[in-house]
Amino acid sequence: QARQSYLVADASKFTRAAPVKIGSLAQIDRFFTDASLGETLINRCQDW
């Protein structure tokens, strides 16, 4: 129900597992983080 979607997540979220999927970074317009994403995920974000 939003025209744009922002994700806010720090580096600790990259090492945490959780069992229920909300969605994908493909649905996010801007991702605010202090983390360095791996090359594969960076490329996927560019594609998305």
All heavy atoms as atom14 arrays in JSON, in Angstrom:
{
  "sequence": "QARQSYLVADASKFTRAAPVKIGSLAQIDRFFTDASLGETLINRCQDW",
  "atom14_mask": [
    [1, 1, 1, 1, 1, 1, 1, 1, 1, 0, 0, 0, 0, 0],
    [1, 1, 1, 1, 1, 0, 0, 0, 0, 0, 0, 0, 0, 0],
    [1, 1, 1, 1, 1, 1, 1, 1, 1, 1, 1, 0, 0, 0],
    [1, 1, 1, 1, 1, 1, 1, 1, 1, 0, 0, 0, 0, 0],
    [1, 1, 1, 1, 1, 1, 0, 0, 0, 0, 0, 0, 0, 0],
    [1, 1, 1, 1, 1, 1, 1, 1, 1, 1, 1, 1, 0, 0],
    [1, 1, 1, 1, 1, 1, 1, 1, 0, 0, 0, 0, 0, 0],
    [1, 1, 1, 1, 1, 1, 1, 0, 0, 0, 0, 0, 0, 0],
    [1, 1, 1, 1, 1, 0, 0, 0, 0, 0, 0, 0, 0, 0],
    [1, 1, 1, 1, 1, 1, 1, 1, 0, 0, 0, 0, 0, 0],
    [1, 1, 1, 1, 1, 0, 0, 0, 0, 0, 0, 0, 0, 0],
    [1, 1, 1, 1, 1, 1, 0, 0, 0, 0, 0, 0, 0, 0],
    [1, 1, 1, 1, 1, 1, 1, 1, 1, 0, 0, 0, 0, 0],
    [1, 1, 1, 1, 1, 1, 1, 1, 1, 1, 1, 0, 0, 0],
    [1, 1, 1, 1, 1, 1, 1, 0, 0, 0, 0, 0, 0, 0],
    [1, 1, 1, 1, 1, 1, 1, 1, 1, 1, 1, 0, 0, 0],
    [1, 1, 1, 1, 1, 0, 0, 0, 0, 0, 0, 0, 0, 0],
    [1, 1, 1, 1, 1, 0, 0, 0, 0, 0, 0, 0, 0, 0],
    [1, 1, 1, 1, 1, 1, 1, 0, 0, 0, 0, 0, 0, 0],
    [1, 1, 1, 1, 1, 1, 1, 0, 0, 0, 0, 0, 0, 0],
    [1, 1, 1, 1, 1, 1, 1, 1, 1, 0, 0, 0, 0, 0],
    [1, 1, 1, 1, 1, 1, 1, 1, 0, 0, 0, 0, 0, 0],
    [1, 1, 1, 1, 0, 0, 0, 0, 0, 0, 0, 0, 0, 0],
    [1, 1, 1, 1, 1, 1, 0, 0, 0, 0, 0, 0, 0, 0],
    [1, 1, 1, 1, 1, 1, 1, 1, 0, 0, 0, 0, 0, 0],
    [1, 1, 1, 1, 1, 0, 0, 0, 0, 0, 0, 0, 0, 0],
    [1, 1, 1, 1, 1, 1, 1, 1, 1, 0, 0, 0, 0, 0],
    [1, 1, 1, 1, 1, 1, 1, 1, 0, 0, 0, 0, 0, 0],
    [1, 1, 1, 1, 1, 1, 1, 1, 0, 0, 0, 0, 0, 0],
    [1, 1, 1, 1, 1, 1, 1, 1, 1, 1, 1, 0, 0, 0],
    [1, 1, 1, 1, 1, 1, 1, 1, 1, 1, 1, 0, 0, 0],
    [1, 1, 1, 1, 1, 1, 1, 1, 1, 1, 1, 0, 0, 0],
    [1, 1, 1, 1, 1, 1, 1, 0, 0, 0, 0, 0, 0, 0],
    [1, 1, 1, 1, 1, 1, 1, 1, 0, 0, 0, 0, 0, 0],
    [1, 1, 1, 1, 1, 0, 0, 0, 0, 0, 0, 0, 0, 0],
    [1, 1, 1, 1, 1, 1, 0, 0, 0, 0, 0, 0, 0, 0],
    [1, 1, 1, 1, 1, 1, 1, 1, 0, 0, 0, 0, 0, 0],
    [1, 1, 1, 1, 0, 0, 0, 0, 0, 0, 0, 0, 0, 0],
    [1, 1, 1, 1, 1, 1, 1, 1, 1, 0, 0, 0, 0, 0],
    [1, 1, 1, 1, 1, 1, 1, 0, 0, 0, 0, 0, 0, 0],
    [1, 1, 1, 1, 1, 1, 1, 1, 0, 0, 0, 0, 0, 0],
    [1, 1, 1, 1, 1, 1, 1, 1, 0, 0, 0, 0, 0, 0],
    [1, 1, 1, 1, 1, 1, 1, 1, 0, 0, 0, 0, 0, 0],
    [1, 1, 1, 1, 1, 1, 1, 1, 1, 1, 1, 0, 0, 0],
    [1, 1, 1, 1, 1, 1, 0, 0, 0, 0, 0, 0, 0, 0],
    [1, 1, 1, 1, 1, 1, 1, 1, 1, 0, 0, 0, 0, 0],
    [1, 1, 1, 1, 1, 1, 1, 1, 0, 0, 0, 0, 0, 0],
    [1, 1, 1, 1, 1, 1, 1, 1, 1, 1, 1, 1, 1, 1]
  ],
  "atom14_positions": [
    [[0.81, -1.22, 0.0], [0.0, 0.0, 0.0], [0.85, 1.28, 0.0], [0.35, 2.34, 0.37], [-0.93, 0.01, 1.23], [-1.91, -1.16, 1.29], [-2.81, -1.2, 0.07], [-3.2, -0.17, -0.47], [-3.15, -2.4, -0.38], [0.0, 0.0, 0.0], [0.0, 0.0, 0.0], [0.0, 0.0, 0.0], [0.0, 0.0, 0.0], [0.0, 0.0, 0.0]],
    [[2.09, 1.18, -0.42], [2.97, 2.35, -0.46], [3.48, 2.6, -1.88], [3.74, 1.65, -2.63], [4.16, 2.15, 0.48], [0.0, 0.0, 0.0], [0.0, 0.0, 0.0], [0.0, 0.0, 0.0], [0.0, 0.0, 0.0], [0.0, 0.0, 0.0], [0.0, 0.0, 0.0], [0.0, 0.0, 0.0], [0.0, 0.0, 0.0], [0.0, 0.0, 0.0]],
    [[3.6, 3.85, -2.23], [4.12, 4.2, -3.56], [5.63, 3.96, -3.64], [6.16, 3.63, -4.7], [3.79, 5.66, -3.87], [2.29, 5.92, -3.94], [1.96, 7.37, -4.26], [0.52, 7.57, -4.28], [-0.2, 7.92, -3.22], [0.4, 8.14, -2.04], [-1.51, 8.07, -3.32], [0.0, 0.0, 0.0], [0.0, 0.0, 0.0], [0.0, 0.0, 0.0]],
    [[6.31, 4.16, -2.52], [7.74, 3.85, -2.43], [7.98, 3.11, -1.12], [7.24, 3.31, -0.14], [8.61, 5.12, -2.44], [8.62, 5.88, -3.73], [9.68, 6.97, -3.68], [10.88, 6.74, -3.78], [9.22, 8.21, -3.5], [0.0, 0.0, 0.0], [0.0, 0.0, 0.0], [0.0, 0.0, 0.0], [0.0, 0.0, 0.0], [0.0, 0.0, 0.0]],
    [[9.03, 2.28, -1.1], [9.34, 1.51, 0.11], [10.81, 1.66, 0.46], [11.68, 1.5, -0.4], [9.01, 0.03, -0.1], [7.63, -0.14, -0.33], [0.0, 0.0, 0.0], [0.0, 0.0, 0.0], [0.0, 0.0, 0.0], [0.0, 0.0, 0.0], [0.0, 0.0, 0.0], [0.0, 0.0, 0.0], [0.0, 0.0, 0.0], [0.0, 0.0, 0.0]],
    [[11.06, 1.98, 1.74], [12.42, 2.11, 2.25], [12.66, 1.02, 3.3], [11.8, 0.77, 4.15], [12.65, 3.46, 2.93], [12.57, 4.68, 2.03], [12.63, 5.95, 2.59], [12.46, 4.57, 0.65], [12.56, 7.09, 1.79], [12.39, 5.69, -0.16], [12.44, 6.95, 0.42], [12.37, 8.07, -0.38], [0.0, 0.0, 0.0], [0.0, 0.0, 0.0]],
    [[13.82, 0.39, 3.25], [14.23, -0.57, 4.28], [15.34, 0.06, 5.11], [16.28, 0.64, 4.56], [14.74, -1.86, 3.63], [15.35, -2.9, 4.58], [14.29, -3.5, 5.49], [16.08, -3.99, 3.81], [0.0, 0.0, 0.0], [0.0, 0.0, 0.0], [0.0, 0.0, 0.0], [0.0, 0.0, 0.0], [0.0, 0.0, 0.0], [0.0, 0.0, 0.0]],
    [[15.22, -0.07, 6.44], [16.28, 0.39, 7.35], [16.77, -0.83, 8.12], [16.03, -1.47, 8.85], [15.78, 1.5, 8.29], [15.58, 2.8, 7.53], [14.47, 1.13, 9.0], [0.0, 0.0, 0.0], [0.0, 0.0, 0.0], [0.0, 0.0, 0.0], [0.0, 0.0, 0.0], [0.0, 0.0, 0.0], [0.0, 0.0, 0.0], [0.0, 0.0, 0.0]],
    [[18.05, -1.17, 7.94], [18.59, -2.38, 8.58], [20.09, -2.26, 8.73], [20.79, -1.9, 7.78], [18.25, -3.62, 7.75], [0.0, 0.0, 0.0], [0.0, 0.0, 0.0], [0.0, 0.0, 0.0], [0.0, 0.0, 0.0], [0.0, 0.0, 0.0], [0.0, 0.0, 0.0], [0.0, 0.0, 0.0], [0.0, 0.0, 0.0], [0.0, 0.0, 0.0]],
    [[20.6, -2.56, 9.93], [22.04, -2.47, 10.17], [22.73, -3.8, 9.87], [22.09, -4.79, 9.51], [22.31, -2.04, 11.62], [21.84, -3.06, 12.62], [22.54, -4.09, 12.78], [20.78, -2.86, 13.25], [0.0, 0.0, 0.0], [0.0, 0.0, 0.0], [0.0, 0.0, 0.0], [0.0, 0.0, 0.0], [0.0, 0.0, 0.0], [0.0, 0.0, 0.0]],
    [[24.05, -3.8, 10.02], [24.87, -4.94, 9.61], [24.51, -6.23, 10.33], [24.7, -7.33, 9.79], [26.34, -4.61, 9.83], [0.0, 0.0, 0.0], [0.0, 0.0, 0.0], [0.0, 0.0, 0.0], [0.0, 0.0, 0.0], [0.0, 0.0, 0.0], [0.0, 0.0, 0.0], [0.0, 0.0, 0.0], [0.0, 0.0, 0.0], [0.0, 0.0, 0.0]],
    [[24.01, -6.15, 11.56], [23.7, -7.37, 12.31], [22.62, -8.2, 11.63], [22.56, -9.42, 11.82], [23.25, -7.02, 13.74], [21.98, -6.37, 13.74], [0.0, 0.0, 0.0], [0.0, 0.0, 0.0], [0.0, 0.0, 0.0], [0.0, 0.0, 0.0], [0.0, 0.0, 0.0], [0.0, 0.0, 0.0], [0.0, 0.0, 0.0], [0.0, 0.0, 0.0]],
    [[21.77, -7.57, 10.82], [20.69, -8.3, 10.16], [21.22, -9.26, 9.08], [20.53, -10.18, 8.67], [19.68, -7.32, 9.55], [19.15, -6.28, 10.54], [18.5, -6.94, 11.74], [18.15, -5.93, 12.82], [17.11, -5.0, 12.46], [0.0, 0.0, 0.0], [0.0, 0.0, 0.0], [0.0, 0.0, 0.0], [0.0, 0.0, 0.0], [0.0, 0.0, 0.0]],
    [[22.46, -9.02, 8.64], [23.05, -9.87, 7.6], [23.51, -11.21, 8.16], [23.79, -12.14, 7.38], [24.24, -9.15, 6.95], [23.85, -8.08, 5.99], [22.95, -7.09, 6.35], [24.37, -8.04, 4.72], [22.57, -6.09, 5.46], [24.02, -7.05, 3.81], [23.12, -6.08, 4.2], [0.0, 0.0, 0.0], [0.0, 0.0, 0.0], [0.0, 0.0, 0.0]],
    [[23.64, -11.31, 9.47], [24.1, -12.56, 10.08], [22.99, -13.25, 10.85], [23.24, -14.24, 11.53], [25.28, -12.29, 11.03], [24.88, -11.36, 12.05], [26.46, -11.71, 10.27], [0.0, 0.0, 0.0], [0.0, 0.0, 0.0], [0.0, 0.0, 0.0], [0.0, 0.0, 0.0], [0.0, 0.0, 0.0], [0.0, 0.0, 0.0], [0.0, 0.0, 0.0]],
    [[21.77, -12.74, 10.76], [20.66, -13.32, 11.52], [19.72, -14.06, 10.59], [19.38, -13.6, 9.51], [19.87, -12.23, 12.26], [20.69, -11.45, 13.25], [19.81, -10.67, 14.18], [19.11, -11.54, 15.09], [17.97, -11.23, 15.71], [17.4, -10.09, 15.47], [17.42, -12.07, 16.54], [0.0, 0.0, 0.0], [0.0, 0.0, 0.0], [0.0, 0.0, 0.0]],
    [[19.29, -15.22, 11.04], [18.3, -16.0, 10.3], [16.95, -15.86, 10.99], [16.87, -15.72, 12.2], [18.7, -17.47, 10.25], [0.0, 0.0, 0.0], [0.0, 0.0, 0.0], [0.0, 0.0, 0.0], [0.0, 0.0, 0.0], [0.0, 0.0, 0.0], [0.0, 0.0, 0.0], [0.0, 0.0, 0.0], [0.0, 0.0, 0.0], [0.0, 0.0, 0.0]],
    [[15.9, -15.87, 10.23], [14.53, -15.84, 10.76], [13.67, -16.66, 9.81], [13.96, -16.75, 8.62], [14.01, -14.4, 10.88], [0.0, 0.0, 0.0], [0.0, 0.0, 0.0], [0.0, 0.0, 0.0], [0.0, 0.0, 0.0], [0.0, 0.0, 0.0], [0.0, 0.0, 0.0], [0.0, 0.0, 0.0], [0.0, 0.0, 0.0], [0.0, 0.0, 0.0]],
    [[12.58, -17.28, 10.32], [11.9, -18.31, 9.53], [10.8, -17.83, 8.58], [10.3, -18.63, 7.79], [11.3, -19.21, 10.61], [11.04, -18.3, 11.76], [12.14, -17.27, 11.73], [0.0, 0.0, 0.0], [0.0, 0.0, 0.0], [0.0, 0.0, 0.0], [0.0, 0.0, 0.0], [0.0, 0.0, 0.0], [0.0, 0.0, 0.0], [0.0, 0.0, 0.0]],
    [[10.4, -16.55, 8.65], [9.25, -16.11, 7.85], [9.69, -15.0, 6.88], [10.34, -14.03, 7.27], [8.1, -15.59, 8.74], [6.84, -15.38, 7.89], [7.82, -16.56, 9.88], [0.0, 0.0, 0.0], [0.0, 0.0, 0.0], [0.0, 0.0, 0.0], [0.0, 0.0, 0.0], [0.0, 0.0, 0.0], [0.0, 0.0, 0.0], [0.0, 0.0, 0.0]],
    [[9.32, -15.15, 5.62], [9.72, -14.2, 4.59], [8.71, -13.08, 4.45], [7.52, -13.32, 4.24], [9.88, -14.93, 3.25], [10.3, -14.03, 2.09], [10.46, -14.82, 0.8], [10.72, -13.92, -0.39], [10.89, -14.68, -1.64], [0.0, 0.0, 0.0], [0.0, 0.0, 0.0], [0.0, 0.0, 0.0], [0.0, 0.0, 0.0], [0.0, 0.0, 0.0]],
    [[9.2, -11.84, 4.57], [8.36, -10.66, 4.33], [8.25, -10.39, 2.83], [7.17, -10.16, 2.29], [8.96, -9.41, 5.01], [9.08, -9.6, 6.52], [8.14, -8.17, 4.68], [9.88, -8.51, 7.21], [0.0, 0.0, 0.0], [0.0, 0.0, 0.0], [0.0, 0.0, 0.0], [0.0, 0.0, 0.0], [0.0, 0.0, 0.0], [0.0, 0.0, 0.0]],
    [[9.38, -10.4, 2.18], [9.43, -10.07, 0.76], [10.87, -10.06, 0.3], [11.72, -10.78, 0.85], [0.0, 0.0, 0.0], [0.0, 0.0, 0.0], [0.0, 0.0, 0.0], [0.0, 0.0, 0.0], [0.0, 0.0, 0.0], [0.0, 0.0, 0.0], [0.0, 0.0, 0.0], [0.0, 0.0, 0.0], [0.0, 0.0, 0.0], [0.0, 0.0, 0.0]],
    [[11.19, -9.21, -0.65], [12.51, -9.17, -1.25], [12.99, -7.74, -1.37], [12.19, -6.79, -1.45], [12.46, -9.82, -2.63], [13.64, -9.56, -3.37], [0.0, 0.0, 0.0], [0.0, 0.0, 0.0], [0.0, 0.0, 0.0], [0.0, 0.0, 0.0], [0.0, 0.0, 0.0], [0.0, 0.0, 0.0], [0.0, 0.0, 0.0], [0.0, 0.0, 0.0]],
    [[14.31, -7.59, -1.42], [14.88, -6.28, -1.72], [14.42, -5.75, -3.08], [14.47, -4.55, -3.34], [16.41, -6.34, -1.71], [17.11, -6.18, -0.36], [18.61, -6.34, -0.53], [16.8, -4.82, 0.27], [0.0, 0.0, 0.0], [0.0, 0.0, 0.0], [0.0, 0.0, 0.0], [0.0, 0.0, 0.0], [0.0, 0.0, 0.0], [0.0, 0.0, 0.0]],
    [[13.94, -6.65, -3.93], [13.41, -6.23, -5.24], [12.2, -5.32, -5.08], [11.87, -4.55, -5.99], [13.04, -7.45, -6.07], [0.0, 0.0, 0.0], [0.0, 0.0, 0.0], [0.0, 0.0, 0.0], [0.0, 0.0, 0.0], [0.0, 0.0, 0.0], [0.0, 0.0, 0.0], [0.0, 0.0, 0.0], [0.0, 0.0, 0.0], [0.0, 0.0, 0.0]],
    [[11.53, -5.38, -3.92], [10.36, -4.54, -3.65], [10.73, -3.22, -2.99], [9.86, -2.39, -2.73], [9.38, -5.29, -2.74], [8.85, -6.58, -3.32], [8.14, -7.41, -2.26], [8.68, -8.37, -1.72], [6.91, -7.02, -1.95], [0.0, 0.0, 0.0], [0.0, 0.0, 0.0], [0.0, 0.0, 0.0], [0.0, 0.0, 0.0], [0.0, 0.0, 0.0]],
    [[12.01, -3.03, -2.69], [12.48, -1.87, -1.94], [13.11, -0.85, -2.88], [13.93, -1.19, -3.74], [13.52, -2.31, -0.88], [12.89, -3.34, 0.09], [14.06, -1.11, -0.13], [11.72, -2.83, 0.88], [0.0, 0.0, 0.0], [0.0, 0.0, 0.0], [0.0, 0.0, 0.0], [0.0, 0.0, 0.0], [0.0, 0.0, 0.0], [0.0, 0.0, 0.0]],
    [[12.71, 0.41, -2.73], [13.3, 1.48, -3.55], [14.62, 1.97, -2.99], [15.56, 2.21, -3.76], [12.31, 2.65, -3.65], [11.04, 2.26, -4.38], [11.1, 2.12, -5.61], [10.0, 2.08, -3.72], [0.0, 0.0, 0.0], [0.0, 0.0, 0.0], [0.0, 0.0, 0.0], [0.0, 0.0, 0.0], [0.0, 0.0, 0.0], [0.0, 0.0, 0.0]],
    [[14.71, 2.12, -1.67], [15.96, 2.56, -1.04], [16.24, 1.69, 0.19], [15.34, 1.46, 1.01], [15.9, 4.03, -0.63], [15.79, 5.0, -1.78], [15.93, 6.44, -1.29], [15.64, 7.41, -2.34], [15.7, 8.72, -2.17], [16.06, 9.24, -1.0], [15.41, 9.53, -3.18], [0.0, 0.0, 0.0], [0.0, 0.0, 0.0], [0.0, 0.0, 0.0]],
    [[17.47, 1.26, 0.3], [17.91, 0.43, 1.42], [18.97, 1.21, 2.18], [20.08, 1.43, 1.69], [18.45, -0.89, 0.89], [19.06, -1.8, 1.93], [18.71, -1.68, 3.27], [19.96, -2.78, 1.57], [19.27, -2.52, 4.23], [20.52, -3.63, 2.5], [20.18, -3.49, 3.84], [0.0, 0.0, 0.0], [0.0, 0.0, 0.0], [0.0, 0.0, 0.0]],
    [[18.63, 1.65, 3.4], [19.55, 2.41, 4.25], [20.24, 1.44, 5.21], [19.57, 0.76, 6.0], [18.78, 3.47, 5.04], [18.14, 4.53, 4.18], [16.89, 4.32, 3.62], [18.79, 5.72, 3.91], [16.29, 5.28, 2.83], [18.21, 6.69, 3.11], [16.95, 6.47, 2.57], [0.0, 0.0, 0.0], [0.0, 0.0, 0.0], [0.0, 0.0, 0.0]],
    [[21.57, 1.41, 5.17], [22.3, 0.44, 5.99], [23.71, 0.96, 6.27], [24.21, 1.87, 5.59], [22.38, -0.93, 5.28], [23.01, -1.88, 6.14], [23.14, -0.83, 3.96], [0.0, 0.0, 0.0], [0.0, 0.0, 0.0], [0.0, 0.0, 0.0], [0.0, 0.0, 0.0], [0.0, 0.0, 0.0], [0.0, 0.0, 0.0], [0.0, 0.0, 0.0]],
    [[24.34, 0.36, 7.27], [25.75, 0.64, 7.54], [26.62, -0.49, 7.04], [27.83, -0.47, 7.24], [25.96, 0.82, 9.04], [25.69, -0.46, 9.83], [24.77, -1.21, 9.43], [26.37, -0.71, 10.84], [0.0, 0.0, 0.0], [0.0, 0.0, 0.0], [0.0, 0.0, 0.0], [0.0, 0.0, 0.0], [0.0, 0.0, 0.0], [0.0, 0.0, 0.0]],
    [[26.02, -1.47, 6.38], [26.73, -2.68, 5.99], [27.26, -2.61, 4.56], [26.71, -1.9, 3.72], [25.81, -3.89, 6.12], [0.0, 0.0, 0.0], [0.0, 0.0, 0.0], [0.0, 0.0, 0.0], [0.0, 0.0, 0.0], [0.0, 0.0, 0.0], [0.0, 0.0, 0.0], [0.0, 0.0, 0.0], [0.0, 0.0, 0.0], [0.0, 0.0, 0.0]],
    [[28.31, -3.38, 4.32], [28.81, -3.56, 2.96], [28.19, -4.83, 2.4], [28.41, -5.92, 2.92], [30.34, -3.68, 2.98], [30.82, -3.94, 1.69], [0.0, 0.0, 0.0], [0.0, 0.0, 0.0], [0.0, 0.0, 0.0], [0.0, 0.0, 0.0], [0.0, 0.0, 0.0], [0.0, 0.0, 0.0], [0.0, 0.0, 0.0], [0.0, 0.0, 0.0]],
    [[27.4, -4.7, 1.36], [26.76, -5.85, 0.74], [27.76, -6.59, -0.15], [28.65, -5.98, -0.73], [25.56, -5.43, -0.1], [24.26, -5.11, 0.63], [24.38, -3.88, 1.49], [23.12, -4.94, -0.38], [0.0, 0.0, 0.0], [0.0, 0.0, 0.0], [0.0, 0.0, 0.0], [0.0, 0.0, 0.0], [0.0, 0.0, 0.0], [0.0, 0.0, 0.0]],
    [[27.59, -7.89, -0.25], [28.44, -8.67, -1.14], [28.18, -8.3, -2.59], [27.15, -7.75, -2.94], [0.0, 0.0, 0.0], [0.0, 0.0, 0.0], [0.0, 0.0, 0.0], [0.0, 0.0, 0.0], [0.0, 0.0, 0.0], [0.0, 0.0, 0.0], [0.0, 0.0, 0.0], [0.0, 0.0, 0.0], [0.0, 0.0, 0.0], [0.0, 0.0, 0.0]],
    [[29.16, -8.63, -3.43], [29.07, -8.24, -4.84], [27.82, -8.79, -5.51], [27.17, -8.1, -6.3], [30.32, -8.72, -5.58], [30.37, -8.3, -7.04], [31.63, -8.75, -7.73], [32.53, -9.28, -7.03], [31.73, -8.57, -8.96], [0.0, 0.0, 0.0], [0.0, 0.0, 0.0], [0.0, 0.0, 0.0], [0.0, 0.0, 0.0], [0.0, 0.0, 0.0]],
    [[27.47, -10.04, -5.19], [26.29, -10.66, -5.81], [25.03, -9.89, -5.47], [24.2, -9.6, -6.36], [26.14, -12.12, -5.35], [27.29, -12.86, -5.75], [24.9, -12.76, -5.98], [0.0, 0.0, 0.0], [0.0, 0.0, 0.0], [0.0, 0.0, 0.0], [0.0, 0.0, 0.0], [0.0, 0.0, 0.0], [0.0, 0.0, 0.0], [0.0, 0.0, 0.0]],
    [[24.88, -9.52, -4.2], [23.68, -8.81, -3.78], [23.66, -7.38, -4.33], [22.61, -6.86, -4.68], [23.57, -8.81, -2.26], [22.21, -8.45, -1.66], [21.09, -9.25, -2.3], [22.21, -8.64, -0.15], [0.0, 0.0, 0.0], [0.0, 0.0, 0.0], [0.0, 0.0, 0.0], [0.0, 0.0, 0.0], [0.0, 0.0, 0.0], [0.0, 0.0, 0.0]],
    [[24.83, -6.77, -4.42], [24.91, -5.43, -5.02], [24.43, -5.48, -6.47], [23.65, -4.63, -6.92], [26.34, -4.89, -4.94], [26.7, -4.53, -3.49], [26.51, -3.65, -5.83], [28.15, -4.13, -3.3], [0.0, 0.0, 0.0], [0.0, 0.0, 0.0], [0.0, 0.0, 0.0], [0.0, 0.0, 0.0], [0.0, 0.0, 0.0], [0.0, 0.0, 0.0]],
    [[24.88, -6.48, -7.19], [24.47, -6.61, -8.59], [22.97, -6.86, -8.71], [22.31, -6.32, -9.62], [25.24, -7.75, -9.26], [26.72, -7.42, -9.44], [27.1, -6.26, -9.5], [27.55, -8.44, -9.52], [0.0, 0.0, 0.0], [0.0, 0.0, 0.0], [0.0, 0.0, 0.0], [0.0, 0.0, 0.0], [0.0, 0.0, 0.0], [0.0, 0.0, 0.0]],
    [[22.43, -7.66, -7.8], [20.99, -7.9, -7.83], [20.21, -6.63, -7.54], [19.19, -6.35, -8.18], [20.62, -8.99, -6.82], [21.02, -10.39, -7.26], [20.66, -11.43, -6.23], [20.94, -12.78, -6.72], [20.86, -13.88, -5.99], [20.5, -13.79, -4.72], [21.12, -15.06, -6.52], [0.0, 0.0, 0.0], [0.0, 0.0, 0.0], [0.0, 0.0, 0.0]],
    [[20.69, -5.85, -6.58], [20.02, -4.58, -6.28], [20.04, -3.65, -7.49], [19.06, -2.95, -7.77], [20.67, -3.92, -5.07], [20.26, -4.69, -3.48], [0.0, 0.0, 0.0], [0.0, 0.0, 0.0], [0.0, 0.0, 0.0], [0.0, 0.0, 0.0], [0.0, 0.0, 0.0], [0.0, 0.0, 0.0], [0.0, 0.0, 0.0], [0.0, 0.0, 0.0]],
    [[21.15, -3.64, -8.21], [21.22, -2.81, -9.42], [20.2, -3.28, -10.45], [19.53, -2.46, -11.1], [22.64, -2.87, -9.99], [23.67, -2.14, -9.15], [25.08, -2.31, -9.66], [25.36, -3.2, -10.48], [25.99, -1.48, -9.19], [0.0, 0.0, 0.0], [0.0, 0.0, 0.0], [0.0, 0.0, 0.0], [0.0, 0.0, 0.0], [0.0, 0.0, 0.0]],
    [[20.07, -4.6, -10.6], [19.08, -5.14, -11.55], [17.66, -4.81, -11.12], [16.8, -4.55, -11.96], [19.25, -6.65, -11.66], [20.54, -7.06, -12.35], [21.13, -6.22, -13.04], [20.98, -8.22, -12.16], [0.0, 0.0, 0.0], [0.0, 0.0, 0.0], [0.0, 0.0, 0.0], [0.0, 0.0, 0.0], [0.0, 0.0, 0.0], [0.0, 0.0, 0.0]],
    [[17.42, -4.84, -9.81], [16.07, -4.58, -9.29], [15.74, -3.09, -9.24], [14.57, -2.73, -9.06], [15.93, -5.16, -7.89], [15.98, -6.65, -7.82], [15.56, -7.53, -8.76], [16.5, -7.45, -6.72], [15.76, -8.83, -8.33], [16.32, -8.8, -7.09], [17.06, -7.16, -5.47], [16.72, -9.87, -6.25], [17.44, -8.2, -4.65], [17.27, -9.53, -5.03]]
  ]
}
